[in-house]
């Protein structure tokens, strides 16, 4: 029941392409599940990258030199 939106969107895309909609519904279901599984990992990576970037900028501002690593 959680992936109904993905199924509906996939079915509509498949119907627009001339299919029955069943294959599109299955693809939409799987893609929505994959997005839900991967999105926390992507958000965590982006936050970590941002913190590291800002820490490097702060280090450069305080010392006036670039960090080695």
PDB file of N, CA and C in Angstrom:
ATOM      1  N   UNK A   1       0.819  -1.190   0.000  1.00  0.00           N
ATOM      2  CA  UNK A   1       0.000   0.000   0.000  1.00  0.00           C
ATOM      3  C   UNK A   1       0.868   1.260   0.000  1.00  0.00           C
ATOM      4  N   UNK A   2       2.102   1.159   0.478  1.00  0.00           N
ATOM      5  CA  UNK A   2       2.965   2.328   0.546  1.00  0.00           C
ATOM      6  C   UNK A   2       3.439   2.789  -0.828  1.00  0.00           C
ATOM      7  N   UNK A   3       3.529   1.892  -1.778  1.00  0.00           N
ATOM      8  CA  UNK A   3       4.088   2.225  -3.090  1.00  0.00           C
ATOM      9  C   UNK A   3       3.014   2.454  -4.149  1.00  0.00           C
ATOM     10  N   UNK A   4       1.815   2.813  -3.737  1.00  0.00           N
ATOM     11  CA  UNK A   4       0.713   2.993  -4.680  1.00  0.00           C
ATOM     12  C   UNK A   4       1.003   4.138  -5.643  1.00  0.00           C
ATOM     13  N   UNK A   5       1.587   5.213  -5.157  1.00  0.00           N
ATOM     14  CA  UNK A   5       1.870   6.354  -6.028  1.00  0.00           C
ATOM     15  C   UNK A   5       2.840   5.959  -7.135  1.00  0.00           C
ATOM     16  N   UNK A   6       3.900   5.235  -6.798  1.00  0.00           N
ATOM     17  CA  UNK A   6       4.847   4.772  -7.810  1.00  0.00           C
ATOM     18  C   UNK A   6       4.188   3.851  -8.814  1.00  0.00           C
ATOM     19  N   UNK A   7       3.299   2.991  -8.328  1.00  0.00           N
ATOM     20  CA  UNK A   7       2.596   2.081  -9.232  1.00  0.00           C
ATOM     21  C   UNK A   7       1.690   2.848 -10.188  1.00  0.00           C
ATOM     22  N   UNK A   8       0.983   3.841  -9.673  1.00  0.00           N
ATOM     23  CA  UNK A   8       0.078   4.613 -10.522  1.00  0.00           C
ATOM     24  C   UNK A   8       0.847   5.419 -11.574  1.00  0.00           C
ATOM     25  N   UNK A   9       1.932   6.030 -11.177  1.00  0.00           N
ATOM     26  CA  UNK A   9       2.728   6.808 -12.126  1.00  0.00           C
ATOM     27  C   UNK A   9       3.330   5.884 -13.182  1.00  0.00           C
ATOM     28  N   UNK A  10       3.889   4.762 -12.755  1.00  0.00           N
ATOM     29  CA  UNK A  10       4.469   3.811 -13.706  1.00  0.00           C
ATOM     30  C   UNK A  10       3.448   3.255 -14.671  1.00  0.00           C
ATOM     31  N   UNK A  11       2.265   2.932 -14.177  1.00  0.00           N
ATOM     32  CA  UNK A  11       1.206   2.403 -15.045  1.00  0.00           C
ATOM     33  C   UNK A  11       0.777   3.445 -16.073  1.00  0.00           C
ATOM     34  N   UNK A  12       0.673   4.694 -15.656  1.00  0.00           N
ATOM     35  CA  UNK A  12       0.260   5.756 -16.591  1.00  0.00           C
ATOM     36  C   UNK A  12       1.319   5.980 -17.664  1.00  0.00           C
ATOM     37  N   UNK A  13       2.581   5.965 -17.276  1.00  0.00           N
ATOM     38  CA  UNK A  13       3.649   6.112 -18.266  1.00  0.00           C
ATOM     39  C   UNK A  13       3.616   4.955 -19.252  1.00  0.00           C
ATOM     40  N   UNK A  14       3.411   3.740 -18.740  1.00  0.00           N
ATOM     41  CA  UNK A  14       3.375   2.563 -19.610  1.00  0.00           C
ATOM     42  C   UNK A  14       2.183   2.631 -20.564  1.00  0.00           C
ATOM     43  N   UNK A  15       1.040   3.096 -20.089  1.00  0.00           N
ATOM     44  CA  UNK A  15      -0.139   3.229 -20.964  1.00  0.00           C
ATOM     45  C   UNK A  15       0.091   4.277 -22.041  1.00  0.00           C
ATOM     46  N   UNK A  16       0.767   5.368 -21.680  1.00  0.00           N
ATOM     47  CA  UNK A  16       1.066   6.402 -22.678  1.00  0.00           C
ATOM     48  C   UNK A  16       1.975   5.869 -23.771  1.00  0.00           C
ATOM     49  N   UNK A  17       2.822   4.893 -23.433  1.00  0.00           N
ATOM     50  CA  UNK A  17       3.734   4.304 -24.411  1.00  0.00           C
ATOM     51  C   UNK A  17       3.090   3.158 -25.180  1.00  0.00           C
ATOM     52  N   UNK A  18       1.836   2.856 -24.890  1.00  0.00           N
ATOM     53  CA  UNK A  18       1.116   1.829 -25.633  1.00  0.00           C
ATOM     54  C   UNK A  18       1.059   0.484 -24.948  1.00  0.00           C
ATOM     55  N   UNK A  19       1.509   0.379 -23.720  1.00  0.00           N
ATOM     56  CA  UNK A  19       1.484  -0.888 -22.997  1.00  0.00           C
ATOM     57  C   UNK A  19       0.207  -1.052 -22.211  1.00  0.00           C
ATOM     58  N   UNK A  20       0.102  -2.174 -21.513  1.00  0.00           N
ATOM     59  CA  UNK A  20      -1.102  -2.465 -20.737  1.00  0.00           C
ATOM     60  C   UNK A  20      -1.120  -1.730 -19.407  1.00  0.00           C
ATOM     61  N   UNK A  21       0.033  -1.302 -18.938  1.00  0.00           N
ATOM     62  CA  UNK A  21       0.102  -0.612 -17.652  1.00  0.00           C
ATOM     63  C   UNK A  21       0.606  -1.497 -16.538  1.00  0.00           C
ATOM     64  N   UNK A  22       0.510  -2.819 -16.709  1.00  0.00           N
ATOM     65  CA  UNK A  22       0.945  -3.732 -15.657  1.00  0.00           C
ATOM     66  C   UNK A  22       2.460  -3.701 -15.476  1.00  0.00           C
ATOM     67  N   UNK A  23       3.187  -3.717 -16.574  1.00  0.00           N
ATOM     68  CA  UNK A  23       4.655  -3.652 -16.489  1.00  0.00           C
ATOM     69  C   UNK A  23       5.126  -2.340 -15.890  1.00  0.00           C
ATOM     70  N   UNK A  24       4.476  -1.262 -16.262  1.00  0.00           N
ATOM     71  CA  UNK A  24       4.816   0.048 -15.716  1.00  0.00           C
ATOM     72  C   UNK A  24       4.520   0.141 -14.230  1.00  0.00           C
ATOM     73  N   UNK A  25       3.421  -0.490 -13.818  1.00  0.00           N
ATOM     74  CA  UNK A  25       3.086  -0.493 -12.396  1.00  0.00           C
ATOM     75  C   UNK A  25       4.142  -1.241 -11.594  1.00  0.00           C
ATOM     76  N   UNK A  26       4.587  -2.366 -12.133  1.00  0.00           N
ATOM     77  CA  UNK A  26       5.636  -3.131 -11.453  1.00  0.00           C
ATOM     78  C   UNK A  26       6.938  -2.336 -11.406  1.00  0.00           C
ATOM     79  N   UNK A  27       7.315  -1.707 -12.512  1.00  0.00           N
ATOM     80  CA  UNK A  27       8.527  -0.888 -12.536  1.00  0.00           C
ATOM     81  C   UNK A  27       8.413   0.275 -11.548  1.00  0.00           C
ATOM     82  N   UNK A  28       7.272   0.937 -11.518  1.00  0.00           N
ATOM     83  CA  UNK A  28       7.060   2.044 -10.584  1.00  0.00           C
ATOM     84  C   UNK A  28       7.164   1.600  -9.142  1.00  0.00           C
ATOM     85  N   UNK A  29       6.629   0.420  -8.858  1.00  0.00           N
ATOM     86  CA  UNK A  29       6.696  -0.140  -7.507  1.00  0.00           C
ATOM     87  C   UNK A  29       8.147  -0.385  -7.112  1.00  0.00           C
ATOM     88  N   UNK A  30       8.913  -1.001  -7.998  1.00  0.00           N
ATOM     89  CA  UNK A  30      10.310  -1.315  -7.696  1.00  0.00           C
ATOM     90  C   UNK A  30      11.165  -0.059  -7.596  1.00  0.00           C
ATOM     91  N   UNK A  31      10.940   0.900  -8.480  1.00  0.00           N
ATOM     92  CA  UNK A  31      11.733   2.126  -8.462  1.00  0.00           C
ATOM     93  C   UNK A  31      11.454   2.935  -7.203  1.00  0.00           C
ATOM     94  N   UNK A  32      10.193   3.016  -6.815  1.00  0.00           N
ATOM     95  CA  UNK A  32       9.871   3.762  -5.604  1.00  0.00           C
ATOM     96  C   UNK A  32      10.502   3.106  -4.382  1.00  0.00           C
ATOM     97  N   UNK A  33      10.501   1.779  -4.335  1.00  0.00           N
ATOM     98  CA  UNK A  33      11.159   1.072  -3.229  1.00  0.00           C
ATOM     99  C   UNK A  33      12.656   1.317  -3.204  1.00  0.00           C
ATOM    100  N   UNK A  34      13.267   1.343  -4.391  1.00  0.00           N
ATOM    101  CA  UNK A  34      14.705   1.609  -4.464  1.00  0.00           C
ATOM    102  C   UNK A  34      15.022   3.034  -4.023  1.00  0.00           C
ATOM    103  N   UNK A  35      14.192   3.974  -4.421  1.00  0.00           N
ATOM    104  CA  UNK A  35      14.418   5.365  -4.019  1.00  0.00           C
ATOM    105  C   UNK A  35      14.309   5.500  -2.507  1.00  0.00           C
ATOM    106  N   UNK A  36      13.339   4.831  -1.922  1.00  0.00           N
ATOM    107  CA  UNK A  36      13.187   4.889  -0.463  1.00  0.00           C
ATOM    108  C   UNK A  36      14.368   4.251   0.264  1.00  0.00           C
ATOM    109  N   UNK A  37      14.981   3.252  -0.342  1.00  0.00           N
ATOM    110  CA  UNK A  37      16.120   2.584   0.290  1.00  0.00           C
ATOM    111  C   UNK A  37      17.402   3.399   0.146  1.00  0.00           C
ATOM    112  N   UNK A  38      17.577   4.074  -0.985  1.00  0.00           N
ATOM    113  CA  UNK A  38      18.830   4.764  -1.282  1.00  0.00           C
ATOM    114  C   UNK A  38      18.840   6.202  -0.754  1.00  0.00           C
ATOM    115  N   UNK A  39      17.697   6.838  -0.653  1.00  0.00           N
ATOM    116  CA  UNK A  39      17.664   8.250  -0.292  1.00  0.00           C
ATOM    117  C   UNK A  39      18.294   8.555   1.075  1.00  0.00           C
ATOM    118  N   UNK A  40      18.120   7.755   2.130  1.00  0.00           N
ATOM    119  CA  UNK A  40      18.813   8.072   3.384  1.00  0.00           C
ATOM    120  C   UNK A  40      20.335   8.032   3.249  1.00  0.00           C
ATOM    121  N   UNK A  41      20.837   7.131   2.428  1.00  0.00           N
ATOM    122  CA  UNK A  41      22.279   7.032   2.216  1.00  0.00           C
ATOM    123  C   UNK A  41      22.781   8.285   1.499  1.00  0.00           C
ATOM    124  N   UNK A  42      22.046   8.735   0.498  1.00  0.00           N
ATOM    125  CA  UNK A  42      22.437   9.925  -0.261  1.00  0.00           C
ATOM    126  C   UNK A  42      22.400  11.167   0.618  1.00  0.00           C
ATOM    127  N   UNK A  43      21.369  11.300   1.437  1.00  0.00           N
ATOM    128  CA  UNK A  43      21.258  12.460   2.325  1.00  0.00           C
ATOM    129  C   UNK A  43      22.392  12.457   3.347  1.00  0.00           C
ATOM    130  N   UNK A  44      22.707  11.297   3.904  1.00  0.00           N
ATOM    131  CA  UNK A  44      23.806  11.200   4.868  1.00  0.00           C
ATOM    132  C   UNK A  44      25.132  11.583   4.220  1.00  0.00           C
ATOM    133  N   UNK A  45      25.374  11.103   3.011  1.00  0.00           N
ATOM    134  CA  UNK A  45      26.596  11.448   2.293  1.00  0.00           C
ATOM    135  C   UNK A  45      26.670  12.954   2.050  1.00  0.00           C
ATOM    136  N   UNK A  46      25.564  13.555   1.602  1.00  0.00           N
ATOM    137  CA  UNK A  46      25.550  14.984   1.305  1.00  0.00           C
ATOM    138  C   UNK A  46      25.810  15.818   2.557  1.00  0.00           C
ATOM    139  N   UNK A  47      25.211  15.430   3.676  1.00  0.00           N
ATOM    140  CA  UNK A  47      25.456  16.160   4.922  1.00  0.00           C
ATOM    141  C   UNK A  47      26.907  16.027   5.365  1.00  0.00           C
ATOM    142  N   UNK A  48      27.455  14.825   5.269  1.00  0.00           N
ATOM    143  CA  UNK A  48      28.853  14.613   5.635  1.00  0.00           C
ATOM    144  C   UNK A  48      29.792  15.421   4.756  1.00  0.00           C
ATOM    145  N   UNK A  49      29.510  15.462   3.462  1.00  0.00           N
ATOM    146  CA  UNK A  49      30.336  16.234   2.544  1.00  0.00           C
ATOM    147  C   UNK A  49      30.262  17.718   2.896  1.00  0.00           C
ATOM    148  N   UNK A  50      29.068  18.200   3.204  1.00  0.00           N
ATOM    149  CA  UNK A  50      28.905  19.612   3.552  1.00  0.00           C
ATOM    150  C   UNK A  50      29.647  19.984   4.819  1.00  0.00           C
ATOM    151  N   UNK A  51      29.583  19.125   5.823  1.00  0.00           N
ATOM    152  CA  UNK A  51      30.299  19.381   7.078  1.00  0.00           C
ATOM    153  C   UNK A  51      31.800  19.400   6.825  1.00  0.00           C
ATOM    154  N   UNK A  52      32.295  18.447   6.045  1.00  0.00           N
ATOM    155  CA  UNK A  52      33.732  18.397   5.737  1.00  0.00           C
ATOM    156  C   UNK A  52      34.158  19.631   4.948  1.00  0.00           C
ATOM    157  N   UNK A  53      33.342  20.046   3.998  1.00  0.00           N
ATOM    158  CA  UNK A  53      33.652  21.233   3.201  1.00  0.00           C
ATOM    159  C   UNK A  53      33.741  22.474   4.086  1.00  0.00           C
ATOM    160  N   UNK A  54      32.755  22.645   4.967  1.00  0.00           N
ATOM    161  CA  UNK A  54      32.753  23.824   5.835  1.00  0.00           C
ATOM    162  C   UNK A  54      33.902  23.774   6.844  1.00  0.00           C
ATOM    163  N   UNK A  55      34.240  22.589   7.342  1.00  0.00           N
ATOM    164  CA  UNK A  55      35.362  22.461   8.272  1.00  0.00           C
ATOM    165  C   UNK A  55      36.669  22.829   7.571  1.00  0.00           C
ATOM    166  N   UNK A  56      36.808  22.409   6.326  1.00  0.00           N
ATOM    167  CA  UNK A  56      38.019  22.743   5.565  1.00  0.00           C
ATOM    168  C   UNK A  56      38.094  24.262   5.329  1.00  0.00           C
ATOM    169  N   UNK A  57      36.968  24.857   4.991  1.00  0.00           N
ATOM    170  CA  UNK A  57      36.942  26.313   4.797  1.00  0.00           C
ATOM    171  C   UNK A  57      37.296  27.045   6.096  1.00  0.00           C
ATOM    172  N   UNK A  58      36.779  26.586   7.222  1.00  0.00           N
ATOM    173  CA  UNK A  58      37.076  27.212   8.508  1.00  0.00           C
ATOM    174  C   UNK A  58      38.567  27.075   8.832  1.00  0.00           C
ATOM    175  N   UNK A  59      39.127  25.918   8.557  1.00  0.00           N
ATOM    176  CA  UNK A  59      40.554  25.702   8.795  1.00  0.00           C
ATOM    177  C   UNK A  59      41.392  26.650   7.944  1.00  0.00           C
ATOM    178  N   UNK A  60      41.007  26.787   6.683  1.00  0.00           N
ATOM    179  CA  UNK A  60      41.726  27.704   5.796  1.00  0.00           C
ATOM    180  C   UNK A  60      41.606  29.150   6.265  1.00  0.00           C
ATOM    181  N   UNK A  61      40.444  29.529   6.768  1.00  0.00           N
ATOM    182  CA  UNK A  61      40.236  30.900   7.231  1.00  0.00           C
ATOM    183  C   UNK A  61      41.055  31.199   8.477  1.00  0.00           C
ATOM    184  N   UNK A  62      41.187  30.210   9.374  1.00  0.00           N
ATOM    185  CA  UNK A  62      41.903  30.420  10.622  1.00  0.00           C
ATOM    186  C   UNK A  62      43.414  30.390  10.398  1.00  0.00           C
ATOM    187  N   UNK A  63      43.904  29.425   9.660  1.00  0.00           N
ATOM    188  CA  UNK A  63      45.350  29.251   9.521  1.00  0.00           C
ATOM    189  C   UNK A  63      45.916  29.924   8.273  1.00  0.00           C
ATOM    190  N   UNK A  64      45.114  30.153   7.272  1.00  0.00           N
ATOM    191  CA  UNK A  64      45.594  30.765   6.052  1.00  0.00           C
ATOM    192  C   UNK A  64      46.266  29.785   5.103  1.00  0.00           C
ATOM    193  N   UNK A  65      46.208  28.512   5.398  1.00  0.00           N
ATOM    194  CA  UNK A  65      46.802  27.506   4.523  1.00  0.00           C
ATOM    195  C   UNK A  65      45.837  26.370   4.289  1.00  0.00           C
ATOM    196  N   UNK A  66      46.076  25.618   3.237  1.00  0.00           N
ATOM    197  CA  UNK A  66      45.213  24.483   2.917  1.00  0.00           C
ATOM    198  C   UNK A  66      45.631  23.267   3.731  1.00  0.00           C
ATOM    199  N   UNK A  67      44.668  22.479   4.195  1.00  0.00           N
ATOM    200  CA  UNK A  67      45.027  21.235   4.885  1.00  0.00           C
ATOM    201  C   UNK A  67      45.654  20.242   3.919  1.00  0.00           C
ATOM    202  N   UNK A  68      46.492  19.370   4.424  1.00  0.00           N
ATOM    203  CA  UNK A  68      47.213  18.434   3.564  1.00  0.00           C
ATOM    204  C   UNK A  68      46.326  17.314   3.023  1.00  0.00           C
ATOM    205  N   UNK A  69      45.419  16.790   3.812  1.00  0.00           N
ATOM    206  CA  UNK A  69      44.615  15.646   3.368  1.00  0.00           C
ATOM    207  C   UNK A  69      43.330  16.076   2.889  1.00  0.00           C
TER     208      UNK A  69
END
